[in-house]
Amino acid sequence: MGDTKTPVIYLSHGAPPLADDRRWTAELASWSSALEKPKNVLMVSAHWEDAPITLGSTTGAPLVYDFWGFPRKYYEVTYDAPTAPGLADDVTKLLTAPGQTASTPVHRDESRGLDHGAYVPLKEMFPQADVPVLQMSMPTLDPRGLFDIGRRLAPLRDQGTLIVGSGFTTHNLRWFNPAAGPDGTPPQASAEFDQWAREAMAAQDVDALLDFLAKAPAAREAHPRTEHFAPLFVSLGAAYESAGLDNKSVIDGFWFGLSKRSWQFA
């Protein structure tokens, strides 16, 4: 990897039917093709909250089909990416090093495979499933707590690890309207929050982003529960600690009313 730090990303991951959206899958594939192939991926998904911090399987547990009511084909998807036991050891060392603010241990759950917030986008970005992946739980939804975790994980960028926060820039399932089609006009609240997030990120306004519930328009409509925005703060912390918040919006637009905006941090 030389002297170049591996980027950090935050992506909107979509539901399993993302695989049927030609535009979005092409955007994810184009994004990954512009990246230097990482040594491994550390994935923080909106769909795994567990305290204390827990690391997923390093022995090959099956995927977690953590959704209901979809056609059978979505439960037959496979993604047999290599595991990353060495990365698990590195994450544990970074998060439990003496002097860190968090004193709780890092747990392991070898029965816990990748959930759809992890494998759905990775299948489009690295379809050969040839990049080792480790998933890590979010022990809290507190933005500053997650930001601090990201800061401590920043050294992973120097060894070729792609740190991925996987959520959704707006996530209110009451807006989800299949009848309107994937590219229909989004609700006003979704559009307002998306614009605010774009502007705050372009301004590299860390304080506003961390205080989004108070600062962003329609924040509690865009995120009735904040778990889908929360992975962003791990990504922000990792980027900020090692290289600042130089960023670009790689994917934008809406999917069934939800903002799929995604960012890459240099």
C-alpha atoms as a PDB file:
ATOM      1  CA  MET A   1       0.000   0.000   0.000  1.00  0.00           C
ATOM      2  CA  GLY A   2       3.051   2.266   0.177  1.00  0.00           C
ATOM      3  CA  ASP A   3       2.626   5.585   1.986  1.00  0.00           C
ATOM      4  CA  THR A   4      -0.979   6.043   0.841  1.00  0.00           C
ATOM      5  CA  LYS A   5      -3.698   5.550   3.404  1.00  0.00           C
ATOM      6  CA  THR A   6      -6.595   3.357   2.410  1.00  0.00           C
ATOM      7  CA  PRO A   7      -9.762   5.450   2.080  1.00  0.00           C
ATOM      8  CA  VAL A   8     -12.637   5.252   4.526  1.00  0.00           C
ATOM      9  CA  ILE A   9     -16.177   5.058   3.220  1.00  0.00           C
ATOM     10  CA  TYR A  10     -19.747   5.408   4.358  1.00  0.00           C
ATOM     11  CA  LEU A  11     -22.317   3.868   2.069  1.00  0.00           C
ATOM     12  CA  SER A  12     -26.053   3.508   1.950  1.00  0.00           C
ATOM     13  CA  HIS A  13     -26.508  -0.217   1.655  1.00  0.00           C
ATOM     14  CA  GLY A  14     -30.065  -0.784   0.511  1.00  0.00           C
ATOM     15  CA  ALA A  15     -32.284  -3.770   1.121  1.00  0.00           C
ATOM     16  CA  PRO A  16     -31.730  -7.137  -0.601  1.00  0.00           C
ATOM     17  CA  PRO A  17     -33.549  -5.936  -3.785  1.00  0.00           C
ATOM     18  CA  LEU A  18     -30.672  -3.514  -4.360  1.00  0.00           C
ATOM     19  CA  ALA A  19     -29.236  -6.373  -6.415  1.00  0.00           C
ATOM     20  CA  ASP A  20     -32.034  -5.814  -8.956  1.00  0.00           C
ATOM     21  CA  ASP A  21     -31.380  -2.089  -9.342  1.00  0.00           C
ATOM     22  CA  ARG A  22     -29.103  -1.779 -12.360  1.00  0.00           C
ATOM     23  CA  ARG A  23     -28.207   1.836 -11.723  1.00  0.00           C
ATOM     24  CA  TRP A  24     -27.254   1.409  -8.074  1.00  0.00           C
ATOM     25  CA  THR A  25     -25.329  -1.813  -8.606  1.00  0.00           C
ATOM     26  CA  ALA A  26     -23.408  -0.125 -11.430  1.00  0.00           C
ATOM     27  CA  GLU A  27     -22.600   2.820  -9.149  1.00  0.00           C
ATOM     28  CA  LEU A  28     -21.233   0.523  -6.457  1.00  0.00           C
ATOM     29  CA  ALA A  29     -19.205  -1.465  -8.986  1.00  0.00           C
ATOM     30  CA  SER A  30     -17.771   1.722 -10.481  1.00  0.00           C
ATOM     31  CA  TRP A  31     -16.849   2.976  -7.016  1.00  0.00           C
ATOM     32  CA  SER A  32     -14.949  -0.140  -6.079  1.00  0.00           C
ATOM     33  CA  SER A  33     -13.172  -0.278  -9.430  1.00  0.00           C
ATOM     34  CA  ALA A  34     -11.715   3.167  -8.705  1.00  0.00           C
ATOM     35  CA  LEU A  35     -10.310   1.988  -5.362  1.00  0.00           C
ATOM     36  CA  GLU A  36      -7.041   0.183  -4.909  1.00  0.00           C
ATOM     37  CA  LYS A  37      -8.005  -3.316  -3.842  1.00  0.00           C
ATOM     38  CA  PRO A  38      -7.863  -3.349  -0.034  1.00  0.00           C
ATOM     39  CA  LYS A  39      -6.075  -5.951   2.022  1.00  0.00           C
ATOM     40  CA  ASN A  40      -9.273  -6.537   3.977  1.00  0.00           C
ATOM     41  CA  VAL A  41     -12.531  -4.833   4.986  1.00  0.00           C
ATOM     42  CA  LEU A  42     -13.731  -3.850   8.439  1.00  0.00           C
ATOM     43  CA  MET A  43     -17.505  -3.527   8.179  1.00  0.00           C
ATOM     44  CA  VAL A  44     -19.716  -1.624  10.623  1.00  0.00           C
ATOM     45  CA  SER A  45     -23.354  -2.213   9.702  1.00  0.00           C
ATOM     46  CA  ALA A  46     -26.519  -0.534  10.945  1.00  0.00           C
ATOM     47  CA  HIS A  47     -27.896  -4.006  11.531  1.00  0.00           C
ATOM     48  CA  TRP A  48     -25.614  -5.090  14.333  1.00  0.00           C
ATOM     49  CA  GLU A  49     -25.824  -3.387  17.692  1.00  0.00           C
ATOM     50  CA  ASP A  50     -24.128  -5.244  20.514  1.00  0.00           C
ATOM     51  CA  ALA A  51     -22.322  -4.076  23.630  1.00  0.00           C
ATOM     52  CA  PRO A  52     -19.551  -4.393  24.441  1.00  0.00           C
ATOM     53  CA  ILE A  53     -17.982  -4.256  21.001  1.00  0.00           C
ATOM     54  CA  THR A  54     -18.217  -7.654  19.372  1.00  0.00           C
ATOM     55  CA  LEU A  55     -16.363  -9.009  16.353  1.00  0.00           C
ATOM     56  CA  GLY A  56     -18.052 -11.433  14.009  1.00  0.00           C
ATOM     57  CA  SER A  57     -16.919 -14.779  12.736  1.00  0.00           C
ATOM     58  CA  THR A  58     -13.327 -15.420  11.734  1.00  0.00           C
ATOM     59  CA  THR A  59     -14.106 -19.060  10.973  1.00  0.00           C
ATOM     60  CA  GLY A  60     -16.756 -18.756   8.280  1.00  0.00           C
ATOM     61  CA  ALA A  61     -20.220 -18.530   9.846  1.00  0.00           C
ATOM     62  CA  PRO A  62     -23.144 -18.408   7.364  1.00  0.00           C
ATOM     63  CA  LEU A  63     -24.734 -15.142   6.281  1.00  0.00           C
ATOM     64  CA  VAL A  64     -27.401 -13.603   8.479  1.00  0.00           C
ATOM     65  CA  TYR A  65     -30.625 -13.113   6.490  1.00  0.00           C
ATOM     66  CA  ASP A  66     -31.931 -10.469   8.849  1.00  0.00           C
ATOM     67  CA  PHE A  67     -35.054  -9.495   6.918  1.00  0.00           C
ATOM     68  CA  TRP A  68     -38.565 -10.802   6.480  1.00  0.00           C
ATOM     69  CA  GLY A  69     -41.193 -11.077   3.792  1.00  0.00           C
ATOM     70  CA  PHE A  70     -38.961 -11.039   0.732  1.00  0.00           C
ATOM     71  CA  PRO A  71     -39.040 -13.531  -2.165  1.00  0.00           C
ATOM     72  CA  ARG A  72     -37.140 -16.755  -1.598  1.00  0.00           C
ATOM     73  CA  LYS A  73     -34.300 -15.849  -3.968  1.00  0.00           C
ATOM     74  CA  TYR A  74     -33.006 -13.267  -1.496  1.00  0.00           C
ATOM     75  CA  TYR A  75     -32.539 -15.974   1.127  1.00  0.00           C
ATOM     76  CA  GLU A  76     -30.462 -18.038  -1.287  1.00  0.00           C
ATOM     77  CA  VAL A  77     -27.801 -15.378  -1.894  1.00  0.00           C
ATOM     78  CA  THR A  78     -24.286 -16.424  -0.912  1.00  0.00           C
ATOM     79  CA  TYR A  79     -21.143 -14.403  -0.307  1.00  0.00           C
ATOM     80  CA  ASP A  80     -18.203 -16.550   0.732  1.00  0.00           C
ATOM     81  CA  ALA A  81     -15.600 -13.895   1.392  1.00  0.00           C
ATOM     82  CA  PRO A  82     -12.491 -15.002   3.277  1.00  0.00           C
ATOM     83  CA  THR A  83     -12.439 -14.318   6.985  1.00  0.00           C
ATOM     84  CA  ALA A  84      -9.939 -11.936   8.593  1.00  0.00           C
ATOM     85  CA  PRO A  85      -8.620 -13.339  11.882  1.00  0.00           C
ATOM     86  CA  GLY A  86      -5.523 -11.143  11.756  1.00  0.00           C
ATOM     87  CA  LEU A  87      -7.674  -8.053  11.394  1.00  0.00           C
ATOM     88  CA  ALA A  88      -9.731  -9.187  14.382  1.00  0.00           C
ATOM     89  CA  ASP A  89      -6.541  -9.336  16.441  1.00  0.00           C
ATOM     90  CA  ASP A  90      -5.502  -5.864  15.264  1.00  0.00           C
ATOM     91  CA  VAL A  91      -8.916  -4.363  16.048  1.00  0.00           C
ATOM     92  CA  THR A  92      -8.834  -5.911  19.511  1.00  0.00           C
ATOM     93  CA  LYS A  93      -5.387  -4.485  20.221  1.00  0.00           C
ATOM     94  CA  LEU A  94      -6.338  -0.992  19.070  1.00  0.00           C
ATOM     95  CA  LEU A  95      -9.549  -0.879  21.082  1.00  0.00           C
ATOM     96  CA  THR A  96      -8.139  -2.327  24.286  1.00  0.00           C
ATOM     97  CA  ALA A  97      -4.745  -0.603  24.334  1.00  0.00           C
ATOM     98  CA  PRO A  98      -3.777   0.959  27.680  1.00  0.00           C
ATOM     99  CA  GLY A  99      -4.926   4.526  28.080  1.00  0.00           C
ATOM    100  CA  GLN A 100      -7.981   4.182  25.846  1.00  0.00           C
ATOM    101  CA  THR A 101     -11.216   5.758  27.035  1.00  0.00           C
ATOM    102  CA  ALA A 102     -13.161   2.518  26.643  1.00  0.00           C
ATOM    103  CA  SER A 103     -12.124  -0.098  29.161  1.00  0.00           C
ATOM    104  CA  THR A 104     -14.591  -2.832  28.203  1.00  0.00           C
ATOM    105  CA  PRO A 105     -13.197  -5.871  26.435  1.00  0.00           C
ATOM    106  CA  VAL A 106     -13.769  -6.714  22.804  1.00  0.00           C
ATOM    107  CA  HIS A 107     -15.825  -9.870  22.487  1.00  0.00           C
ATOM    108  CA  ARG A 108     -15.849 -12.464  19.711  1.00  0.00           C
ATOM    109  CA  ASP A 109     -18.909 -14.216  18.287  1.00  0.00           C
ATOM    110  CA  GLU A 110     -17.825 -16.962  15.934  1.00  0.00           C
ATOM    111  CA  SER A 111     -21.457 -17.839  15.165  1.00  0.00           C
ATOM    112  CA  ARG A 112     -22.200 -14.410  13.754  1.00  0.00           C
ATOM    113  CA  GLY A 113     -21.906 -14.114   9.967  1.00  0.00           C
ATOM    114  CA  LEU A 114     -22.278 -11.051   7.767  1.00  0.00           C
ATOM    115  CA  ASP A 115     -25.705  -9.411   7.820  1.00  0.00           C
ATOM    116  CA  HIS A 116     -27.383  -7.821   4.801  1.00  0.00           C
ATOM    117  CA  GLY A 117     -25.950  -4.400   5.640  1.00  0.00           C
ATOM    118  CA  ALA A 118     -22.559  -5.987   4.967  1.00  0.00           C
ATOM    119  CA  TYR A 119     -22.939  -8.569   2.227  1.00  0.00           C
ATOM    120  CA  VAL A 120     -25.514  -6.768   0.038  1.00  0.00           C
ATOM    121  CA  PRO A 121     -23.173  -3.875  -0.895  1.00  0.00           C
ATOM    122  CA  LEU A 122     -19.996  -5.979  -0.769  1.00  0.00           C
ATOM    123  CA  LYS A 123     -21.437  -8.415  -3.287  1.00  0.00           C
ATOM    124  CA  GLU A 124     -21.732  -5.530  -5.743  1.00  0.00           C
ATOM    125  CA  MET A 125     -18.395  -3.913  -4.909  1.00  0.00           C
ATOM    126  CA  PHE A 126     -16.252  -7.058  -4.646  1.00  0.00           C
ATOM    127  CA  PRO A 127     -18.278  -9.691  -6.526  1.00  0.00           C
ATOM    128  CA  GLN A 128     -15.415 -12.189  -6.589  1.00  0.00           C
ATOM    129  CA  ALA A 129     -15.633 -12.375  -2.777  1.00  0.00           C
ATOM    130  CA  ASP A 130     -11.839 -12.340  -2.698  1.00  0.00           C
ATOM    131  CA  VAL A 131     -11.330  -9.641  -0.052  1.00  0.00           C
ATOM    132  CA  PRO A 132     -11.328 -10.808   3.604  1.00  0.00           C
ATOM    133  CA  VAL A 133     -14.108  -9.260   5.678  1.00  0.00           C
ATOM    134  CA  LEU A 134     -14.600  -8.740   9.398  1.00  0.00           C
ATOM    135  CA  GLN A 135     -17.779  -7.287  10.841  1.00  0.00           C
ATOM    136  CA  MET A 136     -17.825  -5.282  14.074  1.00  0.00           C
ATOM    137  CA  SER A 137     -20.850  -4.391  16.181  1.00  0.00           C
ATOM    138  CA  MET A 138     -21.870  -0.907  17.251  1.00  0.00           C
ATOM    139  CA  PRO A 139     -21.879  -0.859  21.072  1.00  0.00           C
ATOM    140  CA  THR A 140     -23.802   2.417  21.187  1.00  0.00           C
ATOM    141  CA  LEU A 141     -25.692   4.826  18.935  1.00  0.00           C
ATOM    142  CA  ASP A 142     -24.073   7.849  20.559  1.00  0.00           C
ATOM    143  CA  PRO A 143     -22.351   9.781  17.752  1.00  0.00           C
ATOM    144  CA  ARG A 144     -19.394  10.874  19.877  1.00  0.00           C
ATOM    145  CA  GLY A 145     -18.864   7.404  21.272  1.00  0.00           C
ATOM    146  CA  LEU A 146     -18.784   5.944  17.767  1.00  0.00           C
ATOM    147  CA  PHE A 147     -16.548   8.777  16.546  1.00  0.00           C
ATOM    148  CA  ASP A 148     -14.052   7.908  19.282  1.00  0.00           C
ATOM    149  CA  ILE A 149     -14.095   4.245  18.254  1.00  0.00           C
ATOM    150  CA  GLY A 150     -13.373   5.288  14.682  1.00  0.00           C
ATOM    151  CA  ARG A 151     -10.456   7.446  15.790  1.00  0.00           C
ATOM    152  CA  ARG A 152      -8.872   4.503  17.565  1.00  0.00           C
ATOM    153  CA  LEU A 153      -9.293   2.341  14.474  1.00  0.00           C
ATOM    154  CA  ALA A 154      -7.575   4.877  12.185  1.00  0.00           C
ATOM    155  CA  PRO A 155      -4.173   3.076  12.174  1.00  0.00           C
ATOM    156  CA  LEU A 156      -5.801   0.241  10.233  1.00  0.00           C
ATOM    157  CA  ARG A 157      -5.760   2.521   7.205  1.00  0.00           C
ATOM    158  CA  ASP A 158      -1.969   2.307   7.114  1.00  0.00           C
ATOM    159  CA  GLN A 159      -2.061  -1.446   6.614  1.00  0.00           C
ATOM    160  CA  GLY A 160      -4.574  -1.556   3.787  1.00  0.00           C
ATOM    161  CA  THR A 161      -7.850  -1.992   5.660  1.00  0.00           C
ATOM    162  CA  LEU A 162     -10.943  -0.448   4.105  1.00  0.00           C
ATOM    163  CA  ILE A 163     -13.137   0.775   6.961  1.00  0.00           C
ATOM    164  CA  VAL A 164     -16.771   0.793   5.863  1.00  0.00           C
ATOM    165  CA  GLY A 165     -19.712   2.347   7.668  1.00  0.00           C
ATOM    166  CA  SER A 166     -22.844   0.851   6.130  1.00  0.00           C
ATOM    167  CA  GLY A 167     -26.180   2.519   6.780  1.00  0.00           C
ATOM    168  CA  PHE A 168     -28.607   4.772   4.920  1.00  0.00           C
ATOM    169  CA  THR A 169     -28.416   8.564   4.717  1.00  0.00           C
ATOM    170  CA  THR A 170     -32.155   8.756   5.333  1.00  0.00           C
ATOM    171  CA  HIS A 171     -34.081   5.812   6.703  1.00  0.00           C
ATOM    172  CA  ASN A 172     -37.792   6.121   7.392  1.00  0.00           C
ATOM    173  CA  LEU A 173     -39.528   3.006   6.147  1.00  0.00           C
ATOM    174  CA  ARG A 174     -42.907   4.734   6.285  1.00  0.00           C
ATOM    175  CA  TRP A 175     -41.723   6.589   3.178  1.00  0.00           C
ATOM    176  CA  PHE A 176     -41.009   3.367   1.314  1.00  0.00           C
ATOM    177  CA  ASN A 177     -43.517   3.288  -1.545  1.00  0.00           C
ATOM    178  CA  PRO A 178     -42.909   0.575  -4.160  1.00  0.00           C
ATOM    179  CA  ALA A 179     -45.769   1.927  -6.262  1.00  0.00           C
ATOM    180  CA  ALA A 180     -43.794   5.121  -6.870  1.00  0.00           C
ATOM    181  CA  GLY A 181     -40.840   3.191  -8.269  1.00  0.00           C
ATOM    182  CA  PRO A 182     -37.220   3.328  -7.093  1.00  0.00           C
ATOM    183  CA  ASP A 183     -36.557   6.713  -8.727  1.00  0.00           C
ATOM    184  CA  GLY A 184     -39.733   8.513  -7.653  1.00  0.00           C
ATOM    185  CA  THR A 185     -39.743  11.973  -6.084  1.00  0.00           C
ATOM    186  CA  PRO A 186     -38.577  11.676  -2.452  1.00  0.00           C
ATOM    187  CA  PRO A 187     -40.532  13.092   0.469  1.00  0.00           C
ATOM    188  CA  GLN A 188     -39.591  16.677   1.261  1.00  0.00           C
ATOM    189  CA  ALA A 189     -38.120  15.720   4.639  1.00  0.00           C
ATOM    190  CA  SER A 190     -35.829  13.163   3.004  1.00  0.00           C
ATOM    191  CA  ALA A 191     -34.636  15.694   0.447  1.00  0.00           C
ATOM    192  CA  GLU A 192     -34.055  18.364   3.094  1.00  0.00           C
ATOM    193  CA  PHE A 193     -31.998  16.085   5.306  1.00  0.00           C
ATOM    194  CA  ASP A 194     -29.981  14.846   2.324  1.00  0.00           C
ATOM    195  CA  GLN A 195     -29.167  18.419   1.277  1.00  0.00           C
ATOM    196  CA  TRP A 196     -28.136  19.335   4.804  1.00  0.00           C
ATOM    197  CA  ALA A 197     -25.892  16.268   5.075  1.00  0.00           C
ATOM    198  CA  ARG A 198     -24.280  17.041   1.733  1.00  0.00           C
ATOM    199  CA  GLU A 199     -23.561  20.620   2.764  1.00  0.00           C
ATOM    200  CA  ALA A 200     -22.329  19.731   6.250  1.00  0.00           C
ATOM    201  CA  MET A 201     -19.976  17.122   4.832  1.00  0.00           C
ATOM    202  CA  ALA A 202     -18.700  19.480   2.134  1.00  0.00           C
ATOM    203  CA  ALA A 203     -17.979  22.037   4.873  1.00  0.00           C
ATOM    204  CA  GLN A 204     -16.282  19.315   6.947  1.00  0.00           C
ATOM    205  CA  ASP A 205     -18.429  20.457   9.874  1.00  0.00           C
ATOM    206  CA  VAL A 206     -17.749  17.641  12.333  1.00  0.00           C
ATOM    207  CA  ASP A 207     -19.569  19.326  15.214  1.00  0.00           C
ATOM    208  CA  ALA A 208     -22.770  19.746  13.204  1.00  0.00           C
ATOM    209  CA  LEU A 209     -22.663  16.172  11.962  1.00  0.00           C
ATOM    210  CA  LEU A 210     -22.154  14.798  15.464  1.00  0.00           C
ATOM    211  CA  ASP A 211     -25.065  16.936  16.669  1.00  0.00           C
ATOM    212  CA  PHE A 212     -27.267  16.148  13.679  1.00  0.00           C
ATOM    213  CA  LEU A 213     -30.411  15.501  15.719  1.00  0.00           C
ATOM    214  CA  ALA A 214     -30.346  19.123  16.855  1.00  0.00           C
ATOM    215  CA  LYS A 215     -28.793  20.718  13.763  1.00  0.00           C
ATOM    216  CA  ALA A 216     -30.292  18.956  10.743  1.00  0.00           C
ATOM    217  CA  PRO A 217     -33.746  19.741   9.337  1.00  0.00           C
ATOM    218  CA  ALA A 218     -36.243  16.895   9.647  1.00  0.00           C
ATOM    219  CA  ALA A 219     -33.646  14.794  11.463  1.00  0.00           C
ATOM    220  CA  ARG A 220     -36.146  12.798  13.483  1.00  0.00           C
ATOM    221  CA  GLU A 221     -38.287  12.209  10.407  1.00  0.00           C
ATOM    222  CA  ALA A 222     -35.289  11.110   8.362  1.00  0.00           C
ATOM    223  CA  HIS A 223     -34.133   8.864  11.217  1.00  0.00           C
ATOM    224  CA  PRO A 224     -36.966   7.878  13.598  1.00  0.00           C
ATOM    225  CA  ARG A 225     -34.277   5.652  15.073  1.00  0.00           C
ATOM    226  CA  THR A 226     -30.684   6.602  14.343  1.00  0.00           C
ATOM    227  CA  GLU A 227     -29.018   3.234  13.745  1.00  0.00           C
ATOM    228  CA  HIS A 228     -28.727   3.766   9.980  1.00  0.00           C
ATOM    229  CA  PHE A 229     -26.873   7.064  10.320  1.00  0.00           C
ATOM    230  CA  ALA A 230     -24.740   5.821  13.209  1.00  0.00           C
ATOM    231  CA  PRO A 231     -22.120   3.908  11.145  1.00  0.00           C
ATOM    232  CA  LEU A 232     -21.164   7.233   9.571  1.00  0.00           C
ATOM    233  CA  PHE A 233     -19.621   8.347  12.853  1.00  0.00           C
ATOM    234  CA  VAL A 234     -17.184   5.430  12.953  1.00  0.00           C
ATOM    235  CA  SER A 235     -16.125   6.371   9.429  1.00  0.00           C
ATOM    236  CA  LEU A 236     -15.832  10.038  10.383  1.00  0.00           C
ATOM    237  CA  GLY A 237     -13.640   9.213  13.361  1.00  0.00           C
ATOM    238  CA  ALA A 238     -11.290   7.007  11.365  1.00  0.00           C
ATOM    239  CA  ALA A 239     -10.957   9.618   8.637  1.00  0.00           C
ATOM    240  CA  TYR A 240     -10.601  12.598  10.972  1.00  0.00           C
ATOM    241  CA  GLU A 241      -7.916  11.038  13.146  1.00  0.00           C
ATOM    242  CA  SER A 242      -5.550  10.157  10.349  1.00  0.00           C
ATOM    243  CA  ALA A 243      -6.169  12.579   7.502  1.00  0.00           C
ATOM    244  CA  GLY A 244      -8.957  15.047   8.270  1.00  0.00           C
ATOM    245  CA  LEU A 245     -12.342  15.049   6.582  1.00  0.00           C
ATOM    246  CA  ASP A 246     -11.400  15.595   2.960  1.00  0.00           C
ATOM    247  CA  ASN A 247     -14.286  13.825   1.261  1.00  0.00           C
ATOM    248  CA  LYS A 248     -16.360  13.433  -1.849  1.00  0.00           C
ATOM    249  CA  SER A 249     -19.937  12.349  -2.375  1.00  0.00           C
ATOM    250  CA  VAL A 250     -19.618   9.292  -4.607  1.00  0.00           C
ATOM    251  CA  ILE A 251     -23.246   8.198  -4.913  1.00  0.00           C
ATOM    252  CA  ASP A 252     -26.334  10.368  -4.570  1.00  0.00           C
ATOM    253  CA  GLY A 253     -30.017  10.237  -5.442  1.00  0.00           C
ATOM    254  CA  PHE A 254     -32.912   8.430  -3.811  1.00  0.00           C
ATOM    255  CA  TRP A 255     -34.232   4.877  -3.739  1.00  0.00           C
ATOM    256  CA  PHE A 256     -37.929   4.533  -2.970  1.00  0.00           C
ATOM    257  CA  GLY A 257     -37.741   7.876  -1.161  1.00  0.00           C
ATOM    258  CA  LEU A 258     -34.615   7.120   0.888  1.00  0.00           C
ATOM    259  CA  SER A 259     -31.347   8.972   0.315  1.00  0.00           C
ATOM    260  CA  LYS A 260     -28.633   6.634  -0.912  1.00  0.00           C
ATOM    261  CA  ARG A 261     -25.910   9.301  -0.636  1.00  0.00           C
ATOM    262  CA  SER A 262     -22.518   7.745   0.098  1.00  0.00           C
ATOM    263  CA  TRP A 263     -19.134   9.312   0.790  1.00  0.00           C
ATOM    264  CA  GLN A 264     -15.467   8.487   0.452  1.00  0.00           C
ATOM    265  CA  PHE A 265     -12.878  10.030   2.776  1.00  0.00           C
ATOM    266  CA  ALA A 266      -9.348  10.463   1.480  1.00  0.00           C
END
